[in-house]
Amino acid sequence: MKGWMLCGIVATVAVLGACGSDSGRLLGVDPAASRGPNGGGTDTSGNSGQTSNGPVASISVVPGNLTVFVGASGLFVADARDAAGVRVNKAATWKSSDESVARVDANGIVTGKAVGKTTVTAEVDGRSAEGNVVVMQPVSEFNLTIVVGGPIPGADTSRVEPVAGATVSLLRTGGITGDTLLTPEPAGSAVTDANGQAVFKKLKAGYYAIRIVPPAGSPYVETSTGVLSAAEPDITRLVTLIRR
């Protein structure tokens, strides 16, 4: 696999889990990798590896806000602690305040059902906490403008100049529902104009790895990044290159 493909895919794989076919998968964190004994996340109390039988003194839902698409899923984790800040070894009970918008299962996996907003509540030993859910309708296709710039030498590092003549190549690595593609799909290439812009029209919705190769003799180095189409039909992504 080419280096730029690997670089562009790594960020997607870190979020989405193992590769698979272009079908619905979890959009968020792999539950098996992130759940603690009570459905919680990483222990930040300084008591890593320890668990408690309670009683529960506090509980939080992570993340506090979750955005998913209709038909896709995301993950909430419940972090219940005792008075000493040690994770409590008890499972949470989950409930959605509006199941017509989003449903939640016993493991905290939230699935978008319809566009809207709702809250999801986790409860352990009578202590509860809420997470907010926004469900969006994804676009089927979108237009993407990549603006390539490079820092101008000097003390002010915020000064950027457009990079003309750079080749921008796209590789679709995943679908909109959070799946990754077994075989990534090349999605075309374009050369930036005098304003540093490369425009792509009617791209299939999903995750894309972006490879930018500066023109010959340029003081900038090749760069790889990524982008996700969401609910916006037109996306502009600014990519600042690194000088040699």
Protein backbone atom coordinates (compact mmCIF):
# COMPACT_ATOMS: atom_id res chain seq x y z
CA MET A 1 0.00 0.00 0.00
CA LYS A 2 1.37 3.41 -0.91
CA GLY A 3 2.53 5.61 1.93
CA TRP A 4 0.00 8.35 1.32
CA MET A 5 -2.83 5.84 1.31
CA LEU A 6 -1.69 4.45 4.65
CA CYS A 7 -1.32 7.90 6.19
CA GLY A 8 -4.76 8.98 5.05
CA ILE A 9 -6.41 5.80 6.23
CA VAL A 10 -4.81 5.61 9.68
CA ALA A 11 -6.96 8.38 11.18
CA THR A 12 -10.10 6.77 9.80
CA VAL A 13 -9.20 3.32 11.06
CA ALA A 14 -8.41 4.70 14.51
CA VAL A 15 -11.95 5.99 14.76
CA LEU A 16 -13.84 3.31 12.91
CA GLY A 17 -12.16 0.07 13.93
CA ALA A 18 -11.26 -2.79 11.60
CA CYS A 19 -11.79 -2.63 7.84
CA GLY A 20 -14.87 -4.23 6.33
CA SER A 21 -17.25 -3.98 3.44
CA ASP A 22 -19.20 -0.84 2.62
CA SER A 23 -22.05 -1.50 5.05
CA GLY A 24 -23.34 0.06 8.26
CA ARG A 25 -20.89 -0.04 11.18
CA LEU A 26 -20.36 1.80 14.41
CA LEU A 27 -19.50 5.47 13.95
CA GLY A 28 -17.46 6.25 17.04
CA VAL A 29 -15.40 4.09 19.40
CA ASP A 30 -15.13 0.32 19.24
CA PRO A 31 -17.19 -0.81 22.26
CA ALA A 32 -15.01 -3.83 22.92
CA ALA A 33 -11.90 -1.68 23.05
CA SER A 34 -13.28 1.14 25.16
CA ARG A 35 -15.72 -0.28 27.68
CA GLY A 36 -14.52 -0.82 31.19
CA PRO A 37 -16.18 -3.24 33.58
CA ASN A 38 -19.10 -0.87 34.06
CA GLY A 39 -19.35 0.35 30.49
CA GLY A 40 -17.02 3.26 31.25
CA GLY A 41 -14.03 4.59 29.32
CA THR A 42 -10.41 5.22 30.22
CA ASP A 43 -9.65 5.55 33.94
CA THR A 44 -8.29 9.03 34.70
CA SER A 45 -8.64 8.91 38.48
CA GLY A 46 -5.09 7.83 39.18
CA ASN A 47 -6.45 4.43 40.29
CA SER A 48 -5.96 2.69 36.98
CA GLY A 49 -6.73 -1.01 37.16
CA GLN A 50 -8.73 -0.70 40.37
CA THR A 51 -12.46 -1.18 40.59
CA SER A 52 -14.99 -0.73 43.35
CA ASN A 53 -18.33 -2.28 44.27
CA GLY A 54 -19.68 1.14 45.22
CA PRO A 55 -21.68 2.84 46.38
CA VAL A 56 -21.73 5.20 43.41
CA ALA A 57 -20.91 8.78 44.30
CA SER A 58 -20.86 10.26 40.80
CA ILE A 59 -21.53 9.31 37.19
CA SER A 60 -20.81 10.95 33.87
CA VAL A 61 -21.60 10.15 30.24
CA VAL A 62 -18.77 10.38 27.71
CA PRO A 63 -18.86 12.12 25.35
CA GLY A 64 -21.27 14.74 26.59
CA ASN A 65 -22.48 15.44 23.04
CA LEU A 66 -22.79 12.91 20.23
CA THR A 67 -23.70 13.47 16.58
CA VAL A 68 -24.78 10.54 14.40
CA PHE A 69 -26.40 10.17 11.01
CA VAL A 70 -29.75 8.53 10.35
CA GLY A 71 -29.10 4.79 10.19
CA ALA A 72 -25.62 5.07 11.74
CA SER A 73 -24.50 4.50 15.31
CA GLY A 74 -22.27 6.07 17.93
CA LEU A 75 -21.19 5.10 21.40
CA PHE A 76 -21.78 6.59 24.85
CA VAL A 77 -19.87 5.22 27.84
CA ALA A 78 -20.92 5.57 31.46
CA ASP A 79 -18.22 6.38 34.00
CA ALA A 80 -19.48 5.65 37.51
CA ARG A 81 -17.17 6.41 40.46
CA ASP A 82 -17.20 5.92 44.21
CA ALA A 83 -16.29 8.62 46.73
CA ALA A 84 -12.57 7.87 46.25
CA GLY A 85 -12.81 8.31 42.48
CA VAL A 86 -12.45 4.60 41.73
CA ARG A 87 -14.52 3.15 38.90
CA VAL A 88 -17.53 1.21 40.15
CA ASN A 89 -17.85 -2.30 38.77
CA LYS A 90 -21.54 -2.10 37.85
CA ALA A 91 -23.34 -1.91 34.52
CA ALA A 92 -25.37 1.14 33.60
CA THR A 93 -29.01 1.19 32.56
CA TRP A 94 -29.56 3.28 29.40
CA LYS A 95 -32.63 5.14 28.19
CA SER A 96 -33.39 7.52 25.31
CA SER A 97 -35.83 10.34 25.96
CA ASP A 98 -37.14 10.10 22.38
CA GLU A 99 -36.72 6.74 20.67
CA SER A 100 -38.24 8.08 17.47
CA VAL A 101 -35.08 10.20 17.07
CA ALA A 102 -32.45 7.84 18.52
CA ARG A 103 -32.43 4.51 20.30
CA VAL A 104 -29.84 3.26 22.78
CA ASP A 105 -29.09 -0.34 23.67
CA ALA A 106 -27.83 -1.92 26.89
CA ASN A 107 -24.21 -1.21 25.90
CA GLY A 108 -24.67 2.53 25.28
CA ILE A 109 -24.69 2.22 21.49
CA VAL A 110 -26.90 4.95 20.04
CA THR A 111 -28.54 4.54 16.63
CA GLY A 112 -30.02 7.47 14.73
CA LYS A 113 -33.63 6.93 13.64
CA ALA A 114 -34.78 10.37 12.44
CA VAL A 115 -33.42 13.91 12.18
CA GLY A 116 -33.68 15.71 15.49
CA LYS A 117 -32.30 16.04 19.00
CA THR A 118 -32.72 13.94 22.11
CA THR A 119 -30.96 13.00 25.34
CA VAL A 120 -29.70 9.64 26.55
CA THR A 121 -29.57 8.86 30.26
CA ALA A 122 -27.26 6.41 32.03
CA GLU A 123 -28.16 5.27 35.54
CA VAL A 124 -26.15 3.29 38.12
CA ASP A 125 -27.32 2.82 41.72
CA GLY A 126 -29.83 5.65 41.43
CA ARG A 127 -27.22 8.11 40.15
CA SER A 128 -27.76 9.35 36.62
CA ALA A 129 -26.20 11.51 33.94
CA GLU A 130 -27.24 12.60 30.46
CA GLY A 131 -25.62 12.86 27.06
CA ASN A 132 -27.00 14.95 24.22
CA VAL A 133 -27.65 13.41 20.80
CA VAL A 134 -28.04 15.19 17.46
CA VAL A 135 -29.20 13.07 14.53
CA MET A 136 -28.48 14.41 11.04
CA GLN A 137 -29.46 13.31 7.55
CA PRO A 138 -26.29 12.73 5.52
CA VAL A 139 -25.94 13.97 1.97
CA SER A 140 -25.63 11.37 -0.81
CA GLU A 141 -23.06 13.45 -2.68
CA PHE A 142 -21.14 16.67 -2.13
CA ASN A 143 -18.77 19.17 -3.71
CA LEU A 144 -15.30 19.56 -2.24
CA THR A 145 -12.90 22.48 -2.62
CA ILE A 146 -9.34 21.94 -1.42
CA VAL A 147 -7.41 25.17 -0.81
CA VAL A 148 -3.66 24.54 -0.63
CA GLY A 149 -1.46 27.11 1.07
CA GLY A 150 2.10 27.34 2.31
CA PRO A 151 3.60 29.43 5.13
CA ILE A 152 5.57 32.46 4.03
CA PRO A 153 9.06 32.66 5.60
CA GLY A 154 9.29 35.15 8.43
CA ALA A 155 8.46 35.66 12.08
CA ASP A 156 4.71 35.74 11.41
CA THR A 157 3.89 32.05 10.86
CA SER A 158 0.22 32.83 10.18
CA ARG A 159 1.05 34.30 6.78
CA VAL A 160 0.14 31.82 4.06
CA GLU A 161 0.49 32.00 0.29
CA PRO A 162 -1.55 29.97 -2.23
CA VAL A 163 0.31 27.05 -3.77
CA ALA A 164 -0.47 26.77 -7.48
CA GLY A 165 0.33 23.71 -9.56
CA ALA A 166 -0.01 21.19 -6.70
CA THR A 167 -1.60 17.85 -7.55
CA VAL A 168 -4.48 16.91 -5.24
CA SER A 169 -5.59 13.25 -5.30
CA LEU A 170 -8.58 11.76 -3.48
CA LEU A 171 -9.13 8.22 -2.20
CA ARG A 172 -12.50 7.23 -0.72
CA THR A 173 -11.71 5.07 2.31
CA GLY A 174 -15.09 4.77 4.01
CA GLY A 175 -18.81 5.28 3.76
CA ILE A 176 -21.03 7.77 5.52
CA THR A 177 -22.32 5.30 8.11
CA GLY A 178 -18.90 4.77 9.66
CA ASP A 179 -17.80 1.72 7.70
CA THR A 180 -14.39 1.39 6.06
CA LEU A 181 -13.91 0.04 2.56
CA LEU A 182 -12.15 -3.25 1.96
CA THR A 183 -10.80 -1.75 -1.27
CA PRO A 184 -10.42 2.08 -1.18
CA GLU A 185 -11.85 3.85 -4.23
CA PRO A 186 -9.77 6.38 -6.21
CA ALA A 187 -11.93 9.50 -6.63
CA GLY A 188 -9.90 11.57 -9.07
CA SER A 189 -7.21 14.22 -9.00
CA ALA A 190 -6.89 17.90 -9.89
CA VAL A 191 -4.19 20.56 -10.06
CA THR A 192 -4.53 23.70 -7.94
CA ASP A 193 -5.10 26.97 -9.77
CA ALA A 194 -3.47 30.36 -9.15
CA ASN A 195 -5.54 30.70 -5.97
CA GLY A 196 -4.36 27.33 -4.67
CA GLN A 197 -7.77 25.74 -5.24
CA ALA A 198 -8.68 22.31 -6.58
CA VAL A 199 -12.40 21.61 -7.01
CA PHE A 200 -14.14 18.22 -7.05
CA LYS A 201 -17.81 17.92 -8.00
CA LYS A 202 -20.47 15.36 -7.05
CA LEU A 203 -18.33 13.13 -4.88
CA LYS A 204 -19.98 10.13 -3.26
CA ALA A 205 -20.53 10.81 0.45
CA GLY A 206 -17.99 9.26 2.80
CA TYR A 207 -14.48 9.48 4.20
CA TYR A 208 -11.65 10.56 1.92
CA ALA A 209 -7.87 10.45 2.17
CA ILE A 210 -6.30 13.47 0.48
CA ARG A 211 -2.81 13.46 -1.01
CA ILE A 212 -1.18 16.76 -2.03
CA VAL A 213 2.00 16.74 -4.10
CA PRO A 214 3.58 20.22 -4.51
CA PRO A 215 4.87 21.21 -7.96
CA ALA A 216 8.46 20.46 -8.92
CA GLY A 217 10.93 22.85 -7.28
CA SER A 218 8.45 23.84 -4.57
CA PRO A 219 9.82 24.57 -1.07
CA TYR A 220 6.98 22.50 0.41
CA VAL A 221 6.75 18.77 1.14
CA GLU A 222 4.10 16.25 0.16
CA THR A 223 1.19 16.10 2.61
CA SER A 224 -1.65 13.69 3.37
CA THR A 225 -4.83 14.50 5.28
CA GLY A 226 -8.48 13.51 5.25
CA VAL A 227 -12.04 14.78 5.10
CA LEU A 228 -15.54 13.48 5.92
CA SER A 229 -18.64 14.58 4.06
CA ALA A 230 -21.58 15.07 6.40
CA ALA A 231 -24.78 17.04 6.08
CA GLU A 232 -23.23 19.85 4.00
CA PRO A 233 -23.44 19.64 0.19
CA ASP A 234 -20.44 21.94 -0.21
CA ILE A 235 -17.26 21.58 1.84
CA THR A 236 -14.11 23.71 1.71
CA ARG A 237 -10.95 22.32 3.30
CA LEU A 238 -7.82 24.45 3.81
CA VAL A 239 -4.58 22.47 3.87
CA THR A 240 -1.37 24.25 4.89
CA LEU A 241 1.78 22.54 3.67
CA ILE A 242 5.07 22.25 5.56
CA ARG A 243 8.23 23.90 4.26
CA ARG A 244 11.33 21.81 3.66
